[in-house]
Amino acid sequence: MKTQSILIQYFKVAARCFANLLSVRAGLYVKQTDLPKQ
C-alpha cells in the first residue's frame, strides 16, 4: 500500500513537471513565431 501511494505521489510530480515543460516550450514557440520576420 505504501509503495502505491509513493508511486502516485511521484506520478503527480512528474506530470506537473511535464505540463510545466510543455507550457514553457509552447511559450517559447509562440514567442519565436510572433517575432517579425527579418
Protein backbone atom coordinates (compact mmCIF):
# COMPACT_ATOMS: atom_id res chain seq x y z
CA MET A 1 0.00 0.00 0.00
CA LYS A 2 2.77 2.41 0.93
CA THR A 3 4.67 1.89 -2.32
CA GLN A 4 1.50 2.58 -4.31
CA SER A 5 0.94 5.94 -2.60
CA ILE A 6 4.60 6.82 -3.20
CA LEU A 7 4.18 5.94 -6.87
CA ILE A 8 1.06 8.09 -7.11
CA GLN A 9 2.90 10.99 -5.46
CA TYR A 10 5.83 10.58 -7.87
CA PHE A 11 3.47 10.39 -10.84
CA LYS A 12 1.73 13.62 -9.78
CA VAL A 13 5.07 15.45 -9.51
CA ALA A 14 6.26 14.05 -12.84
CA ALA A 15 3.00 15.05 -14.54
CA ARG A 16 3.26 18.57 -13.14
CA CYS A 17 6.87 18.90 -14.33
CA PHE A 18 5.89 17.58 -17.76
CA ALA A 19 3.00 20.05 -18.04
CA ASN A 20 5.30 22.87 -16.94
CA LEU A 21 7.87 21.89 -19.56
CA LEU A 22 5.19 21.73 -22.26
CA SER A 23 3.81 25.17 -21.39
CA VAL A 24 7.31 26.69 -21.38
CA ARG A 25 8.05 25.02 -24.71
CA ALA A 26 4.78 26.30 -26.18
CA GLY A 27 5.51 29.80 -24.87
CA LEU A 28 8.94 29.80 -26.48
CA TYR A 29 7.47 28.52 -29.74
CA VAL A 30 4.80 31.22 -29.75
CA LYS A 31 7.42 33.89 -28.99
CA GLN A 32 9.55 32.64 -31.88
CA THR A 33 6.64 32.65 -34.33
CA ASP A 34 5.42 36.03 -33.04
CA LEU A 35 8.74 37.68 -33.88
CA PRO A 36 8.54 39.65 -37.14
CA LYS A 37 10.41 38.03 -40.00
CA GLN A 38 13.57 39.90 -40.87
